[in-house]
Amino acid sequence: MEALVKHRNPLADLISDEVYQLLVEHNLLDAKSVRDYQIRKRFRQLRAQNVPAYDAIERIQEEYPYLQFDTIRKIVYRGNGTR
């Protein structure tokens, strides 16, 4: 029987739905860090499709309109070990 997942697991490539749900239930996840991970992952996907970095950041900004361009740039490059 598949466990009921109350929240979509944005970390499915790292942890199982059950582990994710347990972390959520115990308030052990930092929402900002999960968001930043998703942004870095999306940036890598776009770059793998040969989307120029500037355009990739603009596309991500459309998905996260409350973030400024420079904020997204810092997230994607900080997470890749540069800067």
PDB file of N, CA and C in Angstrom:
ATOM      1  N   MET A   1       0.841  -1.185   0.000  1.00  0.00           N
ATOM      2  CA  MET A   1       0.000   0.000   0.000  1.00  0.00           C
ATOM      3  C   MET A   1       0.885   1.246   0.000  1.00  0.00           C
ATOM      4  N   GLU A   2       0.617   2.132  -0.907  1.00  0.00           N
ATOM      5  CA  GLU A   2       1.413   3.346  -1.025  1.00  0.00           C
ATOM      6  C   GLU A   2       1.008   4.352   0.038  1.00  0.00           C
ATOM      7  N   ALA A   3       2.015   4.934   0.670  1.00  0.00           N
ATOM      8  CA  ALA A   3       1.754   5.914   1.726  1.00  0.00           C
ATOM      9  C   ALA A   3       1.150   7.187   1.126  1.00  0.00           C
ATOM     10  N   LEU A   4       0.261   7.789   1.866  1.00  0.00           N
ATOM     11  CA  LEU A   4      -0.351   9.048   1.438  1.00  0.00           C
ATOM     12  C   LEU A   4       0.650  10.180   1.654  1.00  0.00           C
ATOM     13  N   VAL A   5       0.969  10.896   0.601  1.00  0.00           N
ATOM     14  CA  VAL A   5       1.903  12.013   0.687  1.00  0.00           C
ATOM     15  C   VAL A   5       1.092  13.296   0.670  1.00  0.00           C
ATOM     16  N   LYS A   6       1.179  14.046   1.760  1.00  0.00           N
ATOM     17  CA  LYS A   6       0.402  15.278   1.886  1.00  0.00           C
ATOM     18  C   LYS A   6       1.012  16.408   1.062  1.00  0.00           C
ATOM     19  N   HIS A   7       2.329  16.396   0.907  1.00  0.00           N
ATOM     20  CA  HIS A   7       3.035  17.431   0.153  1.00  0.00           C
ATOM     21  C   HIS A   7       3.771  16.759  -0.999  1.00  0.00           C
ATOM     22  N   ARG A   8       3.770  17.415  -2.161  1.00  0.00           N
ATOM     23  CA  ARG A   8       4.558  16.907  -3.279  1.00  0.00           C
ATOM     24  C   ARG A   8       6.023  16.948  -2.880  1.00  0.00           C
ATOM     25  N   ASN A   9       6.749  15.909  -3.186  1.00  0.00           N
ATOM     26  CA  ASN A   9       8.143  15.791  -2.787  1.00  0.00           C
ATOM     27  C   ASN A   9       9.052  16.454  -3.824  1.00  0.00           C
ATOM     28  N   PRO A  10       9.527  17.676  -3.567  1.00  0.00           N
ATOM     29  CA  PRO A  10      10.417  18.338  -4.509  1.00  0.00           C
ATOM     30  C   PRO A  10      11.841  17.791  -4.461  1.00  0.00           C
ATOM     31  N   LEU A  11      12.087  16.878  -3.544  1.00  0.00           N
ATOM     32  CA  LEU A  11      13.418  16.283  -3.395  1.00  0.00           C
ATOM     33  C   LEU A  11      13.411  14.808  -3.779  1.00  0.00           C
ATOM     34  N   ALA A  12      12.493  14.428  -4.639  1.00  0.00           N
ATOM     35  CA  ALA A  12      12.311  13.016  -4.987  1.00  0.00           C
ATOM     36  C   ALA A  12      13.571  12.374  -5.565  1.00  0.00           C
ATOM     37  N   ASP A  13      14.428  13.168  -6.190  1.00  0.00           N
ATOM     38  CA  ASP A  13      15.668  12.615  -6.734  1.00  0.00           C
ATOM     39  C   ASP A  13      16.713  12.386  -5.636  1.00  0.00           C
ATOM     40  N   LEU A  14      16.435  12.848  -4.426  1.00  0.00           N
ATOM     41  CA  LEU A  14      17.363  12.686  -3.304  1.00  0.00           C
ATOM     42  C   LEU A  14      16.848  11.773  -2.207  1.00  0.00           C
ATOM     43  N   ILE A  15      15.560  11.909  -1.877  1.00  0.00           N
ATOM     44  CA  ILE A  15      14.980  11.126  -0.779  1.00  0.00           C
ATOM     45  C   ILE A  15      13.607  10.597  -1.175  1.00  0.00           C
ATOM     46  N   SER A  16      13.191   9.547  -0.504  1.00  0.00           N
ATOM     47  CA  SER A  16      11.890   8.940  -0.795  1.00  0.00           C
ATOM     48  C   SER A  16      10.759   9.836  -0.302  1.00  0.00           C
ATOM     49  N   ASP A  17       9.564   9.574  -0.818  1.00  0.00           N
ATOM     50  CA  ASP A  17       8.381  10.331  -0.382  1.00  0.00           C
ATOM     51  C   ASP A  17       8.135  10.145   1.110  1.00  0.00           C
ATOM     52  N   GLU A  18       8.393   8.937   1.613  1.00  0.00           N
ATOM     53  CA  GLU A  18       8.168   8.656   3.031  1.00  0.00           C
ATOM     54  C   GLU A  18       9.108   9.476   3.907  1.00  0.00           C
ATOM     55  N   VAL A  19      10.375   9.531   3.522  1.00  0.00           N
ATOM     56  CA  VAL A  19      11.344  10.315   4.289  1.00  0.00           C
ATOM     57  C   VAL A  19      10.990  11.799   4.215  1.00  0.00           C
ATOM     58  N   TYR A  20      10.625  12.269   3.011  1.00  0.00           N
ATOM     59  CA  TYR A  20      10.237  13.670   2.857  1.00  0.00           C
ATOM     60  C   TYR A  20       9.062  14.005   3.776  1.00  0.00           C
ATOM     61  N   GLN A  21       8.049  13.153   3.766  1.00  0.00           N
ATOM     62  CA  GLN A  21       6.871  13.393   4.589  1.00  0.00           C
ATOM     63  C   GLN A  21       7.237  13.432   6.076  1.00  0.00           C
ATOM     64  N   LEU A  22       8.122  12.553   6.489  1.00  0.00           N
ATOM     65  CA  LEU A  22       8.555  12.523   7.884  1.00  0.00           C
ATOM     66  C   LEU A  22       9.284  13.819   8.253  1.00  0.00           C
ATOM     67  N   LEU A  23      10.136  14.296   7.372  1.00  0.00           N
ATOM     68  CA  LEU A  23      10.841  15.555   7.621  1.00  0.00           C
ATOM     69  C   LEU A  23       9.870  16.727   7.705  1.00  0.00           C
ATOM     70  N   VAL A  24       8.855  16.733   6.837  1.00  0.00           N
ATOM     71  CA  VAL A  24       7.844  17.796   6.862  1.00  0.00           C
ATOM     72  C   VAL A  24       7.061  17.747   8.170  1.00  0.00           C
ATOM     73  N   GLU A  25       6.637  16.556   8.554  1.00  0.00           N
ATOM     74  CA  GLU A  25       5.838  16.404   9.775  1.00  0.00           C
ATOM     75  C   GLU A  25       6.578  16.892  11.014  1.00  0.00           C
ATOM     76  N   HIS A  26       7.899  16.756  11.011  1.00  0.00           N
ATOM     77  CA  HIS A  26       8.694  17.164  12.162  1.00  0.00           C
ATOM     78  C   HIS A  26       9.347  18.533  11.971  1.00  0.00           C
ATOM     79  N   ASN A  27       8.906  19.238  10.918  1.00  0.00           N
ATOM     80  CA  ASN A  27       9.392  20.591  10.643  1.00  0.00           C
ATOM     81  C   ASN A  27      10.925  20.655  10.575  1.00  0.00           C
ATOM     82  N   LEU A  28      11.497  19.699   9.834  1.00  0.00           N
ATOM     83  CA  LEU A  28      12.953  19.604   9.735  1.00  0.00           C
ATOM     84  C   LEU A  28      13.501  20.071   8.393  1.00  0.00           C
ATOM     85  N   LEU A  29      12.643  20.633   7.555  1.00  0.00           N
ATOM     86  CA  LEU A  29      13.093  21.140   6.259  1.00  0.00           C
ATOM     87  C   LEU A  29      13.027  22.659   6.239  1.00  0.00           C
ATOM     88  N   ASP A  30      14.029  23.258   5.639  1.00  0.00           N
ATOM     89  CA  ASP A  30      14.057  24.702   5.464  1.00  0.00           C
ATOM     90  C   ASP A  30      13.471  25.005   4.081  1.00  0.00           C
ATOM     91  N   ALA A  31      12.325  25.654   4.040  1.00  0.00           N
ATOM     92  CA  ALA A  31      11.620  25.909   2.778  1.00  0.00           C
ATOM     93  C   ALA A  31      12.484  26.693   1.788  1.00  0.00           C
ATOM     94  N   LYS A  32      13.253  27.645   2.278  1.00  0.00           N
ATOM     95  CA  LYS A  32      14.113  28.451   1.399  1.00  0.00           C
ATOM     96  C   LYS A  32      15.190  27.584   0.756  1.00  0.00           C
ATOM     97  N   SER A  33      15.773  26.694   1.506  1.00  0.00           N
ATOM     98  CA  SER A  33      16.802  25.801   0.958  1.00  0.00           C
ATOM     99  C   SER A  33      16.224  24.849  -0.079  1.00  0.00           C
ATOM    100  N   VAL A  34      15.020  24.350   0.164  1.00  0.00           N
ATOM    101  CA  VAL A  34      14.358  23.477  -0.810  1.00  0.00           C
ATOM    102  C   VAL A  34      14.070  24.267  -2.084  1.00  0.00           C
ATOM    103  N   ARG A  35      13.578  25.498  -1.936  1.00  0.00           N
ATOM    104  CA  ARG A  35      13.323  26.354  -3.098  1.00  0.00           C
ATOM    105  C   ARG A  35      14.604  26.606  -3.884  1.00  0.00           C
ATOM    106  N   ASP A  36      15.683  26.925  -3.193  1.00  0.00           N
ATOM    107  CA  ASP A  36      16.955  27.192  -3.860  1.00  0.00           C
ATOM    108  C   ASP A  36      17.463  25.947  -4.591  1.00  0.00           C
ATOM    109  N   TYR A  37      17.285  24.791  -3.996  1.00  0.00           N
ATOM    110  CA  TYR A  37      17.664  23.537  -4.659  1.00  0.00           C
ATOM    111  C   TYR A  37      16.879  23.365  -5.959  1.00  0.00           C
ATOM    112  N   GLN A  38      15.578  23.633  -5.907  1.00  0.00           N
ATOM    113  CA  GLN A  38      14.739  23.511  -7.097  1.00  0.00           C
ATOM    114  C   GLN A  38      15.168  24.507  -8.176  1.00  0.00           C
ATOM    115  N   ILE A  39      15.532  25.704  -7.781  1.00  0.00           N
ATOM    116  CA  ILE A  39      15.983  26.720  -8.734  1.00  0.00           C
ATOM    117  C   ILE A  39      17.285  26.278  -9.396  1.00  0.00           C
ATOM    118  N   ARG A  40      18.242  25.781  -8.603  1.00  0.00           N
ATOM    119  CA  ARG A  40      19.505  25.300  -9.182  1.00  0.00           C
ATOM    120  C   ARG A  40      19.273  24.128 -10.132  1.00  0.00           C
ATOM    121  N   LYS A  41      18.369  23.238  -9.757  1.00  0.00           N
ATOM    122  CA  LYS A  41      18.053  22.082 -10.605  1.00  0.00           C
ATOM    123  C   LYS A  41      17.438  22.540 -11.927  1.00  0.00           C
ATOM    124  N   ARG A  42      16.508  23.486 -11.865  1.00  0.00           N
ATOM    125  CA  ARG A  42      15.860  24.017 -13.069  1.00  0.00           C
ATOM    126  C   ARG A  42      16.885  24.718 -13.960  1.00  0.00           C
ATOM    127  N   PHE A  43      17.797  25.465 -13.357  1.00  0.00           N
ATOM    128  CA  PHE A  43      18.839  26.149 -14.114  1.00  0.00           C
ATOM    129  C   PHE A  43      19.706  25.126 -14.867  1.00  0.00           C
ATOM    130  N   ARG A  44      20.111  24.055 -14.185  1.00  0.00           N
ATOM    131  CA  ARG A  44      20.911  23.008 -14.843  1.00  0.00           C
ATOM    132  C   ARG A  44      20.148  22.361 -15.991  1.00  0.00           C
ATOM    133  N   GLN A  45      18.840  22.141 -15.809  1.00  0.00           N
ATOM    134  CA  GLN A  45      18.023  21.553 -16.884  1.00  0.00           C
ATOM    135  C   GLN A  45      17.996  22.470 -18.103  1.00  0.00           C
ATOM    136  N   LEU A  46      17.784  23.745 -17.870  1.00  0.00           N
ATOM    137  CA  LEU A  46      17.733  24.697 -18.982  1.00  0.00           C
ATOM    138  C   LEU A  46      19.080  24.803 -19.684  1.00  0.00           C
ATOM    139  N   ARG A  47      20.157  24.848 -18.921  1.00  0.00           N
ATOM    140  CA  ARG A  47      21.490  24.934 -19.522  1.00  0.00           C
ATOM    141  C   ARG A  47      21.802  23.677 -20.332  1.00  0.00           C
ATOM    142  N   ALA A  48      21.324  22.525 -19.862  1.00  0.00           N
ATOM    143  CA  ALA A  48      21.532  21.272 -20.600  1.00  0.00           C
ATOM    144  C   ALA A  48      20.802  21.293 -21.943  1.00  0.00           C
ATOM    145  N   GLN A  49      19.773  22.131 -22.042  1.00  0.00           N
ATOM    146  CA  GLN A  49      19.027  22.295 -23.300  1.00  0.00           C
ATOM    147  C   GLN A  49      19.615  23.430 -24.128  1.00  0.00           C
ATOM    148  N   ASN A  50      20.826  23.846 -23.775  1.00  0.00           N
ATOM    149  CA  ASN A  50      21.562  24.909 -24.480  1.00  0.00           C
ATOM    150  C   ASN A  50      20.883  26.274 -24.405  1.00  0.00           C
ATOM    151  N   VAL A  51      20.128  26.504 -23.353  1.00  0.00           N
ATOM    152  CA  VAL A  51      19.541  27.820 -23.121  1.00  0.00           C
ATOM    153  C   VAL A  51      20.648  28.690 -22.511  1.00  0.00           C
ATOM    154  N   PRO A  52      20.910  29.865 -23.078  1.00  0.00           N
ATOM    155  CA  PRO A  52      21.932  30.745 -22.490  1.00  0.00           C
ATOM    156  C   PRO A  52      21.605  31.060 -21.029  1.00  0.00           C
ATOM    157  N   ALA A  53      22.648  31.243 -20.229  1.00  0.00           N
ATOM    158  CA  ALA A  53      22.477  31.460 -18.790  1.00  0.00           C
ATOM    159  C   ALA A  53      21.535  32.628 -18.492  1.00  0.00           C
ATOM    160  N   TYR A  54      21.710  33.741 -19.204  1.00  0.00           N
ATOM    161  CA  TYR A  54      20.858  34.907 -18.975  1.00  0.00           C
ATOM    162  C   TYR A  54      19.389  34.553 -19.214  1.00  0.00           C
ATOM    163  N   ASP A  55      19.113  33.858 -20.327  1.00  0.00           N
ATOM    164  CA  ASP A  55      17.743  33.471 -20.650  1.00  0.00           C
ATOM    165  C   ASP A  55      17.200  32.462 -19.641  1.00  0.00           C
ATOM    166  N   ALA A  56      18.047  31.560 -19.184  1.00  0.00           N
ATOM    167  CA  ALA A  56      17.615  30.570 -18.196  1.00  0.00           C
ATOM    168  C   ALA A  56      17.186  31.265 -16.906  1.00  0.00           C
ATOM    169  N   ILE A  57      17.976  32.249 -16.486  1.00  0.00           N
ATOM    170  CA  ILE A  57      17.621  32.981 -15.271  1.00  0.00           C
ATOM    171  C   ILE A  57      16.322  33.756 -15.469  1.00  0.00           C
ATOM    172  N   GLU A  58      16.140  34.342 -16.644  1.00  0.00           N
ATOM    173  CA  GLU A  58      14.878  35.048 -16.915  1.00  0.00           C
ATOM    174  C   GLU A  58      13.686  34.094 -16.865  1.00  0.00           C
ATOM    175  N   ARG A  59      13.835  32.890 -17.420  1.00  0.00           N
ATOM    176  CA  ARG A  59      12.737  31.905 -17.377  1.00  0.00           C
ATOM    177  C   ARG A  59      12.421  31.506 -15.940  1.00  0.00           C
ATOM    178  N   ILE A  60      13.465  31.320 -15.153  1.00  0.00           N
ATOM    179  CA  ILE A  60      13.254  30.963 -13.749  1.00  0.00           C
ATOM    180  C   ILE A  60      12.555  32.108 -13.026  1.00  0.00           C
ATOM    181  N   GLN A  61      12.905  33.345 -13.376  1.00  0.00           N
ATOM    182  CA  GLN A  61      12.269  34.495 -12.750  1.00  0.00           C
ATOM    183  C   GLN A  61      10.774  34.532 -13.065  1.00  0.00           C
ATOM    184  N   GLU A  62      10.383  34.038 -14.229  1.00  0.00           N
ATOM    185  CA  GLU A  62       8.955  33.947 -14.553  1.00  0.00           C
ATOM    186  C   GLU A  62       8.251  32.961 -13.622  1.00  0.00           C
ATOM    187  N   GLU A  63       8.963  31.913 -13.207  1.00  0.00           N
ATOM    188  CA  GLU A  63       8.398  30.919 -12.303  1.00  0.00           C
ATOM    189  C   GLU A  63       8.401  31.399 -10.850  1.00  0.00           C
ATOM    190  N   TYR A  64       9.317  32.305 -10.532  1.00  0.00           N
ATOM    191  CA  TYR A  64       9.452  32.864  -9.180  1.00  0.00           C
ATOM    192  C   TYR A  64       9.473  34.390  -9.297  1.00  0.00           C
ATOM    193  N   PRO A  65       8.344  35.004  -9.645  1.00  0.00           N
ATOM    194  CA  PRO A  65       8.327  36.452  -9.918  1.00  0.00           C
ATOM    195  C   PRO A  65       8.658  37.320  -8.701  1.00  0.00           C
ATOM    196  N   TYR A  66       8.598  36.780  -7.521  1.00  0.00           N
ATOM    197  CA  TYR A  66       8.915  37.551  -6.328  1.00  0.00           C
ATOM    198  C   TYR A  66      10.420  37.644  -6.086  1.00  0.00           C
ATOM    199  N   LEU A  67      11.229  36.932  -6.896  1.00  0.00           N
ATOM    200  CA  LEU A  67      12.682  37.000  -6.761  1.00  0.00           C
ATOM    201  C   LEU A  67      13.269  37.894  -7.846  1.00  0.00           C
ATOM    202  N   GLN A  68      14.242  38.682  -7.484  1.00  0.00           N
ATOM    203  CA  GLN A  68      14.916  39.537  -8.451  1.00  0.00           C
ATOM    204  C   GLN A  68      15.913  38.713  -9.261  1.00  0.00           C
ATOM    205  N   PHE A  69      16.236  39.214 -10.440  1.00  0.00           N
ATOM    206  CA  PHE A  69      17.170  38.546 -11.340  1.00  0.00           C
ATOM    207  C   PHE A  69      18.487  38.237 -10.615  1.00  0.00           C
ATOM    208  N   ASP A  70      19.045  39.239  -9.932  1.00  0.00           N
ATOM    209  CA  ASP A  70      20.327  39.049  -9.240  1.00  0.00           C
ATOM    210  C   ASP A  70      20.239  38.020  -8.118  1.00  0.00           C
ATOM    211  N   THR A  71      19.111  37.942  -7.466  1.00  0.00           N
ATOM    212  CA  THR A  71      18.920  36.947  -6.411  1.00  0.00           C
ATOM    213  C   THR A  71      18.994  35.550  -7.007  1.00  0.00           C
ATOM    214  N   ILE A  72      18.319  35.334  -8.125  1.00  0.00           N
ATOM    215  CA  ILE A  72      18.349  34.032  -8.790  1.00  0.00           C
ATOM    216  C   ILE A  72      19.759  33.722  -9.270  1.00  0.00           C
ATOM    217  N   ARG A  73      20.428  34.716  -9.818  1.00  0.00           N
ATOM    218  CA  ARG A  73      21.812  34.527 -10.283  1.00  0.00           C
ATOM    219  C   ARG A  73      22.701  34.073  -9.126  1.00  0.00           C
ATOM    220  N   LYS A  74      22.557  34.708  -7.979  1.00  0.00           N
ATOM    221  CA  LYS A  74      23.352  34.321  -6.816  1.00  0.00           C
ATOM    222  C   LYS A  74      23.025  32.908  -6.359  1.00  0.00           C
ATOM    223  N   ILE A  75      21.764  32.541  -6.401  1.00  0.00           N
ATOM    224  CA  ILE A  75      21.357  31.186  -6.001  1.00  0.00           C
ATOM    225  C   ILE A  75      21.987  30.148  -6.918  1.00  0.00           C
ATOM    226  N   VAL A  76      21.885  30.358  -8.234  1.00  0.00           N
ATOM    227  CA  VAL A  76      22.368  29.323  -9.153  1.00  0.00           C
ATOM    228  C   VAL A  76      23.890  29.220  -9.134  1.00  0.00           C
ATOM    229  N   TYR A  77      24.589  30.321  -8.997  1.00  0.00           N
ATOM    230  CA  TYR A  77      26.045  30.248  -9.017  1.00  0.00           C
ATOM    231  C   TYR A  77      26.637  29.886  -7.663  1.00  0.00           C
ATOM    232  N   ARG A  78      26.015  30.286  -6.584  1.00  0.00           N
ATOM    233  CA  ARG A  78      26.478  29.891  -5.256  1.00  0.00           C
ATOM    234  C   ARG A  78      26.357  28.383  -5.096  1.00  0.00           C
ATOM    235  N   GLY A  79      25.283  27.813  -5.607  1.00  0.00           N
ATOM    236  CA  GLY A  79      25.041  26.381  -5.482  1.00  0.00           C
ATOM    237  C   GLY A  79      25.938  25.526  -6.360  1.00  0.00           C
ATOM    238  N   ASN A  80      26.550  26.127  -7.381  1.00  0.00           N
ATOM    239  CA  ASN A  80      27.412  25.369  -8.282  1.00  0.00           C
ATOM    240  C   ASN A  80      28.868  25.431  -7.860  1.00  0.00           C
ATOM    241  N   GLY A  81      29.145  25.960  -6.684  1.00  0.00           N
ATOM    242  CA  GLY A  81      30.493  25.987  -6.172  1.00  0.00           C
ATOM    243  C   GLY A  81      31.352  27.133  -6.661  1.00  0.00           C
ATOM    244  N   THR A  82      30.752  28.058  -7.420  1.00  0.00           N
ATOM    245  CA  THR A  82      31.516  29.215  -7.884  1.00  0.00           C
ATOM    246  C   THR A  82      31.137  30.417  -7.045  1.00  0.00           C
ATOM    247  N   ARG A  83      32.050  31.380  -7.029  1.00  0.00           N
ATOM    248  CA  ARG A  83      31.858  32.641  -6.289  1.00  0.00           C
ATOM    249  C   ARG A  83      32.046  32.456  -4.855  1.00  0.00           C
TER     250      ARG A  83
END
